[in-house]
Amino acid sequence: SPPASFFIKKAANIRKGASIAGQEIVGSITRAQIEEIVEQKKDDLNAHDLDQACKIIAGTARSMGIEVKG
């Protein structure tokens, strides 16, 4: 399956992530969108439950300069 960043960019409706992670915010996604991404990536994620998998995806989003809401 495609990398998580592909699904995150699609959910945030952006073309690319931030040039400087941590200093620039290029978009935002919600907890519900993160859960949808987890459902698509659940076989590839190394997590025991939904909450841990959501933390993995949220961390990826933050490293791309995308704000996680909710």
N, C-alpha and C. Protein backbone atom coordinates (compact mmCIF):
# COMPACT_ATOMS: atom_id res chain seq x y z
N SER A 1 0.84 -1.19 0.00
CA SER A 1 0.00 0.00 0.00
C SER A 1 0.89 1.25 0.00
N PRO A 2 0.34 2.37 -0.43
CA PRO A 2 1.12 3.62 -0.44
C PRO A 2 1.57 4.01 0.97
N PRO A 3 2.60 4.84 1.08
CA PRO A 3 3.04 5.28 2.41
C PRO A 3 1.99 6.14 3.10
N ALA A 4 2.09 6.23 4.42
CA ALA A 4 1.13 7.01 5.20
C ALA A 4 1.11 8.47 4.75
N SER A 5 2.26 9.00 4.35
CA SER A 5 2.32 10.40 3.93
C SER A 5 1.42 10.67 2.73
N PHE A 6 1.24 9.69 1.86
CA PHE A 6 0.35 9.84 0.71
C PHE A 6 -1.08 10.07 1.18
N PHE A 7 -1.54 9.26 2.13
CA PHE A 7 -2.90 9.38 2.64
C PHE A 7 -3.07 10.66 3.45
N ILE A 8 -2.04 11.06 4.18
CA ILE A 8 -2.10 12.28 4.98
C ILE A 8 -2.23 13.50 4.07
N LYS A 9 -1.41 13.55 3.03
CA LYS A 9 -1.49 14.68 2.09
C LYS A 9 -2.86 14.73 1.42
N LYS A 10 -3.40 13.58 1.08
CA LYS A 10 -4.72 13.52 0.45
C LYS A 10 -5.80 14.02 1.41
N ALA A 11 -5.72 13.62 2.69
CA ALA A 11 -6.71 14.04 3.69
C ALA A 11 -6.62 15.54 3.97
N ALA A 12 -5.39 16.08 3.99
CA ALA A 12 -5.20 17.50 4.26
C ALA A 12 -5.39 18.35 3.02
N ASN A 13 -5.53 17.69 1.87
CA ASN A 13 -5.73 18.38 0.59
C ASN A 13 -4.57 19.32 0.27
N ILE A 14 -3.35 18.78 0.41
CA ILE A 14 -2.15 19.55 0.07
C ILE A 14 -1.31 18.74 -0.91
N ARG A 15 -0.38 19.43 -1.56
CA ARG A 15 0.48 18.79 -2.56
C ARG A 15 1.76 18.24 -1.96
N LYS A 16 2.32 18.96 -0.96
CA LYS A 16 3.54 18.50 -0.31
C LYS A 16 3.59 19.00 1.12
N GLY A 17 4.44 18.38 1.92
CA GLY A 17 4.58 18.75 3.32
C GLY A 17 5.39 20.02 3.48
N ALA A 18 5.62 20.39 4.73
CA ALA A 18 6.36 21.61 5.05
C ALA A 18 7.83 21.47 4.70
N SER A 19 8.42 22.57 4.28
CA SER A 19 9.85 22.59 4.00
C SER A 19 10.66 22.51 5.28
N ILE A 20 10.15 23.16 6.33
CA ILE A 20 10.82 23.17 7.63
C ILE A 20 9.83 22.61 8.65
N ALA A 21 9.97 21.35 8.98
CA ALA A 21 9.06 20.71 9.93
C ALA A 21 9.21 21.32 11.31
N GLY A 22 8.11 21.53 11.99
CA GLY A 22 8.14 22.11 13.32
C GLY A 22 8.02 23.62 13.34
N GLN A 23 8.29 24.27 12.22
CA GLN A 23 8.20 25.73 12.16
C GLN A 23 7.13 26.20 11.20
N GLU A 24 6.73 25.35 10.31
CA GLU A 24 5.78 25.73 9.26
C GLU A 24 4.59 24.76 9.30
N ILE A 25 3.38 25.30 9.26
CA ILE A 25 2.18 24.46 9.21
C ILE A 25 1.53 24.68 7.85
N VAL A 26 1.36 23.58 7.11
CA VAL A 26 0.84 23.69 5.75
C VAL A 26 -0.59 23.21 5.62
N GLY A 27 -1.13 22.60 6.67
CA GLY A 27 -2.50 22.10 6.62
C GLY A 27 -2.90 21.48 7.94
N SER A 28 -4.09 20.89 7.97
CA SER A 28 -4.55 20.24 9.19
C SER A 28 -5.44 19.05 8.84
N ILE A 29 -5.46 18.09 9.75
CA ILE A 29 -6.35 16.94 9.62
C ILE A 29 -7.00 16.67 10.97
N THR A 30 -8.11 15.95 10.97
CA THR A 30 -8.84 15.67 12.19
C THR A 30 -8.57 14.25 12.66
N ARG A 31 -8.98 13.96 13.87
CA ARG A 31 -8.83 12.61 14.43
C ARG A 31 -9.60 11.59 13.58
N ALA A 32 -10.77 11.98 13.08
CA ALA A 32 -11.56 11.07 12.24
C ALA A 32 -10.81 10.72 10.96
N GLN A 33 -10.13 11.69 10.36
CA GLN A 33 -9.35 11.42 9.16
C GLN A 33 -8.17 10.50 9.48
N ILE A 34 -7.56 10.68 10.65
CA ILE A 34 -6.47 9.81 11.06
C ILE A 34 -6.96 8.38 11.20
N GLU A 35 -8.14 8.20 11.78
CA GLU A 35 -8.70 6.86 11.95
C GLU A 35 -8.98 6.19 10.61
N GLU A 36 -9.40 6.98 9.62
CA GLU A 36 -9.61 6.43 8.27
C GLU A 36 -8.29 5.96 7.67
N ILE A 37 -7.23 6.74 7.88
CA ILE A 37 -5.91 6.36 7.37
C ILE A 37 -5.44 5.08 8.07
N VAL A 38 -5.67 4.99 9.37
CA VAL A 38 -5.28 3.79 10.12
C VAL A 38 -5.99 2.56 9.55
N GLU A 39 -7.26 2.68 9.21
CA GLU A 39 -7.99 1.55 8.64
C GLU A 39 -7.36 1.09 7.33
N GLN A 40 -6.87 2.02 6.54
CA GLN A 40 -6.24 1.66 5.27
C GLN A 40 -4.84 1.09 5.48
N LYS A 41 -4.15 1.50 6.54
CA LYS A 41 -2.76 1.10 6.77
C LYS A 41 -2.59 0.08 7.90
N LYS A 42 -3.68 -0.45 8.46
CA LYS A 42 -3.58 -1.27 9.66
C LYS A 42 -2.69 -2.50 9.51
N ASP A 43 -2.61 -3.07 8.32
CA ASP A 43 -1.75 -4.24 8.12
C ASP A 43 -0.27 -3.88 8.13
N ASP A 44 0.06 -2.64 7.80
CA ASP A 44 1.45 -2.21 7.73
C ASP A 44 1.96 -1.59 9.03
N LEU A 45 1.05 -1.21 9.93
CA LEU A 45 1.45 -0.54 11.17
C LEU A 45 1.81 -1.55 12.24
N ASN A 46 2.80 -1.21 13.03
CA ASN A 46 3.25 -2.07 14.13
C ASN A 46 2.63 -1.55 15.42
N ALA A 47 1.31 -1.72 15.57
CA ALA A 47 0.60 -1.23 16.74
C ALA A 47 -0.41 -2.28 17.20
N HIS A 48 -0.66 -2.29 18.50
CA HIS A 48 -1.57 -3.29 19.06
C HIS A 48 -3.03 -2.85 19.07
N ASP A 49 -3.28 -1.55 19.10
CA ASP A 49 -4.66 -1.09 19.12
C ASP A 49 -4.81 0.19 18.31
N LEU A 50 -6.04 0.64 18.17
CA LEU A 50 -6.37 1.80 17.35
C LEU A 50 -5.68 3.07 17.86
N ASP A 51 -5.67 3.25 19.19
CA ASP A 51 -5.08 4.46 19.75
C ASP A 51 -3.59 4.57 19.44
N GLN A 52 -2.87 3.48 19.57
CA GLN A 52 -1.44 3.48 19.26
C GLN A 52 -1.19 3.73 17.77
N ALA A 53 -2.01 3.13 16.93
CA ALA A 53 -1.87 3.34 15.49
C ALA A 53 -2.16 4.80 15.13
N CYS A 54 -3.13 5.41 15.78
CA CYS A 54 -3.44 6.82 15.53
C CYS A 54 -2.27 7.72 15.95
N LYS A 55 -1.60 7.35 17.03
CA LYS A 55 -0.44 8.14 17.47
C LYS A 55 0.68 8.06 16.44
N ILE A 56 0.86 6.92 15.82
CA ILE A 56 1.89 6.77 14.78
C ILE A 56 1.58 7.68 13.60
N ILE A 57 0.34 7.64 13.12
CA ILE A 57 -0.05 8.45 11.96
C ILE A 57 -0.01 9.94 12.32
N ALA A 58 -0.46 10.30 13.52
CA ALA A 58 -0.43 11.71 13.94
C ALA A 58 1.00 12.22 14.01
N GLY A 59 1.93 11.40 14.48
CA GLY A 59 3.33 11.79 14.52
C GLY A 59 3.90 12.02 13.13
N THR A 60 3.52 11.17 12.20
CA THR A 60 3.95 11.35 10.81
C THR A 60 3.41 12.67 10.26
N ALA A 61 2.14 12.95 10.56
CA ALA A 61 1.53 14.19 10.08
C ALA A 61 2.24 15.41 10.65
N ARG A 62 2.53 15.39 11.95
CA ARG A 62 3.21 16.52 12.57
C ARG A 62 4.59 16.73 12.00
N SER A 63 5.28 15.64 11.68
CA SER A 63 6.61 15.77 11.08
C SER A 63 6.56 16.33 9.68
N MET A 64 5.38 16.27 9.05
CA MET A 64 5.20 16.83 7.71
C MET A 64 4.73 18.29 7.77
N GLY A 65 4.51 18.82 8.98
CA GLY A 65 4.03 20.19 9.12
C GLY A 65 2.53 20.30 9.04
N ILE A 66 1.83 19.23 9.40
CA ILE A 66 0.37 19.22 9.37
C ILE A 66 -0.15 19.17 10.79
N GLU A 67 -1.05 20.09 11.11
CA GLU A 67 -1.63 20.19 12.45
C GLU A 67 -2.69 19.10 12.62
N VAL A 68 -2.69 18.46 13.77
CA VAL A 68 -3.68 17.42 14.09
C VAL A 68 -4.69 18.03 15.05
N LYS A 69 -5.95 18.04 14.62
CA LYS A 69 -7.02 18.63 15.44
C LYS A 69 -7.87 17.52 16.04
N GLY A 70 -8.23 17.71 17.30
CA GLY A 70 -9.14 16.76 17.96
C GLY A 70 -8.47 15.65 18.52
